N, C-alpha and C. Protein backbone atom coordinates (compact mmCIF):
# COMPACT_ATOMS: atom_id res chain seq x y z
N MET A 1 -0.81 189.25 29.66
CA MET A 1 -2.24 189.03 29.71
C MET A 1 -2.89 189.75 28.53
N GLU A 2 -3.72 189.04 27.79
CA GLU A 2 -4.35 189.59 26.61
C GLU A 2 -5.65 190.30 26.98
N LYS A 3 -5.85 191.49 26.42
CA LYS A 3 -7.08 192.23 26.66
C LYS A 3 -8.21 191.62 25.84
N GLU A 4 -9.38 191.51 26.46
CA GLU A 4 -10.53 191.02 25.73
C GLU A 4 -11.07 192.13 24.85
N LYS A 5 -11.46 191.77 23.65
CA LYS A 5 -12.01 192.74 22.72
C LYS A 5 -13.49 192.94 23.03
N ILE A 6 -13.87 194.16 23.27
CA ILE A 6 -15.27 194.48 23.55
C ILE A 6 -15.98 194.70 22.22
N ILE A 7 -17.03 193.92 22.00
CA ILE A 7 -17.79 194.01 20.75
C ILE A 7 -19.09 194.75 21.04
N PRO A 8 -19.34 195.84 20.31
CA PRO A 8 -20.59 196.58 20.54
C PRO A 8 -21.81 195.77 20.12
N LYS A 9 -22.96 196.12 20.67
CA LYS A 9 -24.20 195.41 20.35
C LYS A 9 -24.63 195.69 18.91
N PHE A 10 -24.44 196.92 18.46
CA PHE A 10 -24.81 197.30 17.10
C PHE A 10 -23.59 197.84 16.36
N MET A 11 -23.55 197.62 15.04
CA MET A 11 -22.47 198.16 14.20
C MET A 11 -23.07 198.69 12.91
N ARG A 12 -22.38 199.68 12.35
CA ARG A 12 -22.74 200.14 11.02
C ARG A 12 -22.16 199.15 10.02
N ALA A 13 -22.57 199.26 8.77
CA ALA A 13 -22.19 198.28 7.75
C ALA A 13 -20.68 198.15 7.59
N LYS A 14 -19.97 199.27 7.57
CA LYS A 14 -18.51 199.23 7.39
C LYS A 14 -17.83 198.52 8.55
N GLN A 15 -18.27 198.83 9.79
CA GLN A 15 -17.69 198.18 10.97
C GLN A 15 -17.99 196.68 10.94
N LEU A 16 -19.21 196.33 10.56
CA LEU A 16 -19.62 194.93 10.52
C LEU A 16 -18.79 194.15 9.50
N ALA A 17 -18.56 194.75 8.34
CA ALA A 17 -17.74 194.11 7.32
C ALA A 17 -16.34 193.82 7.85
N GLN A 18 -15.75 194.78 8.53
CA GLN A 18 -14.42 194.59 9.10
C GLN A 18 -14.44 193.52 10.18
N HIS A 19 -15.45 193.53 11.02
CA HIS A 19 -15.59 192.56 12.10
C HIS A 19 -15.70 191.13 11.56
N LEU A 20 -16.45 190.97 10.48
CA LEU A 20 -16.68 189.64 9.90
C LEU A 20 -15.62 189.24 8.87
N GLY A 21 -14.81 190.19 8.45
CA GLY A 21 -13.79 189.89 7.44
C GLY A 21 -14.38 189.70 6.05
N ILE A 22 -15.45 190.46 5.76
CA ILE A 22 -16.09 190.40 4.44
C ILE A 22 -16.12 191.80 3.86
N GLY A 23 -16.48 191.90 2.61
CA GLY A 23 -16.56 193.20 1.96
C GLY A 23 -17.83 193.95 2.32
N LEU A 24 -17.77 195.27 2.22
CA LEU A 24 -18.91 196.11 2.50
C LEU A 24 -20.09 195.76 1.58
N SER A 25 -19.80 195.52 0.32
CA SER A 25 -20.87 195.18 -0.62
C SER A 25 -21.53 193.84 -0.25
N THR A 26 -20.78 192.95 0.37
CA THR A 26 -21.34 191.67 0.81
C THR A 26 -22.33 191.87 1.95
N VAL A 27 -22.03 192.80 2.85
CA VAL A 27 -22.97 193.12 3.93
C VAL A 27 -24.30 193.57 3.33
N TRP A 28 -24.24 194.48 2.36
CA TRP A 28 -25.47 194.99 1.75
C TRP A 28 -26.16 193.91 0.92
N LEU A 29 -25.41 193.03 0.29
CA LEU A 29 -26.00 191.92 -0.46
C LEU A 29 -26.77 191.00 0.48
N TYR A 30 -26.16 190.64 1.62
CA TYR A 30 -26.84 189.78 2.59
C TYR A 30 -28.10 190.45 3.12
N ALA A 31 -28.07 191.76 3.30
CA ALA A 31 -29.25 192.49 3.77
C ALA A 31 -30.35 192.44 2.69
N LYS A 32 -29.95 192.63 1.45
CA LYS A 32 -30.91 192.60 0.33
C LYS A 32 -31.52 191.21 0.17
N GLN A 33 -30.70 190.17 0.40
CA GLN A 33 -31.17 188.79 0.28
C GLN A 33 -31.99 188.36 1.49
N GLY A 34 -32.00 189.16 2.54
CA GLY A 34 -32.76 188.83 3.74
C GLY A 34 -32.02 187.94 4.72
N LYS A 35 -30.74 187.72 4.49
CA LYS A 35 -29.95 186.89 5.40
C LYS A 35 -29.69 187.61 6.72
N ILE A 36 -29.55 188.94 6.66
CA ILE A 36 -29.36 189.75 7.86
C ILE A 36 -30.35 190.91 7.80
N THR A 37 -30.68 191.45 8.98
CA THR A 37 -31.70 192.49 9.04
C THR A 37 -31.11 193.82 9.46
N PRO A 38 -31.17 194.81 8.57
CA PRO A 38 -30.71 196.15 8.94
C PRO A 38 -31.77 196.85 9.78
N LYS A 39 -31.33 197.72 10.66
CA LYS A 39 -32.25 198.50 11.48
C LYS A 39 -31.92 199.97 11.26
N LYS A 40 -32.93 200.75 10.89
CA LYS A 40 -32.72 202.17 10.62
C LYS A 40 -32.74 202.96 11.92
N ALA A 41 -31.62 203.61 12.24
CA ALA A 41 -31.53 204.47 13.42
C ALA A 41 -32.03 205.87 13.07
N SER A 42 -31.83 206.26 11.81
CA SER A 42 -32.33 207.54 11.29
C SER A 42 -32.35 207.42 9.77
N ASP A 43 -32.66 208.50 9.09
CA ASP A 43 -32.71 208.46 7.63
C ASP A 43 -31.38 208.07 7.00
N ARG A 44 -30.28 208.47 7.65
CA ARG A 44 -28.96 208.24 7.06
C ARG A 44 -28.10 207.23 7.80
N VAL A 45 -28.65 206.62 8.86
CA VAL A 45 -27.86 205.67 9.65
C VAL A 45 -28.58 204.33 9.73
N THR A 46 -27.89 203.30 9.27
CA THR A 46 -28.40 201.94 9.34
C THR A 46 -27.47 201.12 10.22
N LEU A 47 -28.06 200.38 11.14
CA LEU A 47 -27.29 199.57 12.08
C LEU A 47 -27.65 198.10 11.92
N PHE A 48 -26.73 197.25 12.35
CA PHE A 48 -26.96 195.81 12.36
C PHE A 48 -26.68 195.31 13.76
N GLU A 49 -27.54 194.43 14.29
CA GLU A 49 -27.31 193.84 15.60
C GLU A 49 -26.30 192.71 15.43
N VAL A 50 -25.14 192.85 16.04
CA VAL A 50 -24.01 191.96 15.83
C VAL A 50 -24.35 190.50 16.16
N ALA A 51 -24.95 190.25 17.31
CA ALA A 51 -25.27 188.88 17.71
C ALA A 51 -26.23 188.23 16.73
N GLU A 52 -27.20 188.99 16.26
CA GLU A 52 -28.17 188.47 15.29
C GLU A 52 -27.49 188.11 13.96
N VAL A 53 -26.59 188.98 13.52
CA VAL A 53 -25.88 188.75 12.26
C VAL A 53 -24.96 187.53 12.39
N GLU A 54 -24.23 187.44 13.48
CA GLU A 54 -23.34 186.30 13.68
C GLU A 54 -24.14 184.99 13.72
N LYS A 55 -25.26 185.00 14.39
CA LYS A 55 -26.09 183.81 14.47
C LYS A 55 -26.63 183.43 13.09
N ALA A 56 -27.08 184.43 12.34
CA ALA A 56 -27.64 184.17 11.01
C ALA A 56 -26.59 183.64 10.04
N LEU A 57 -25.38 184.19 10.09
CA LEU A 57 -24.35 183.81 9.13
C LEU A 57 -23.53 182.61 9.55
N LEU A 58 -23.33 182.45 10.85
CA LEU A 58 -22.50 181.35 11.33
C LEU A 58 -23.32 180.16 11.81
N GLY A 59 -24.60 180.36 12.00
CA GLY A 59 -25.54 179.29 12.28
C GLY A 59 -25.20 178.39 13.45
N ALA A 60 -25.24 177.10 13.22
CA ALA A 60 -25.06 176.09 14.26
C ALA A 60 -23.69 176.19 14.92
N TRP A 61 -22.67 176.53 14.14
CA TRP A 61 -21.34 176.66 14.72
C TRP A 61 -21.34 177.73 15.81
N TYR A 62 -22.00 178.84 15.56
CA TYR A 62 -22.08 179.94 16.51
C TYR A 62 -22.80 179.49 17.79
N GLU A 63 -23.87 178.73 17.65
CA GLU A 63 -24.63 178.22 18.79
C GLU A 63 -23.74 177.34 19.67
N ASN A 64 -22.95 176.49 19.07
CA ASN A 64 -22.10 175.57 19.82
C ASN A 64 -20.99 176.31 20.58
N VAL A 65 -20.51 177.40 20.03
CA VAL A 65 -19.45 178.16 20.69
C VAL A 65 -20.01 178.89 21.91
N LEU A 66 -21.21 179.43 21.80
CA LEU A 66 -21.80 180.18 22.90
C LEU A 66 -22.30 179.32 24.04
N TYR A 67 -22.81 178.15 23.72
CA TYR A 67 -23.48 177.36 24.78
C TYR A 67 -22.81 176.05 24.99
């Protein structure tokens, strides 16, 4: 029996890059371009909402998988 992978609601940029299989610089590029929205938890910590990022980057395909 395979264990289900628990995905956190928020991830830091490095975790998000690994989760999506993209480079860290690509995460920051997408944030700069406005494709994804970073959320500041503190002066030195930036988080991304995983569901929002997946929806923004995967678009209609993501919607079809969920519903």
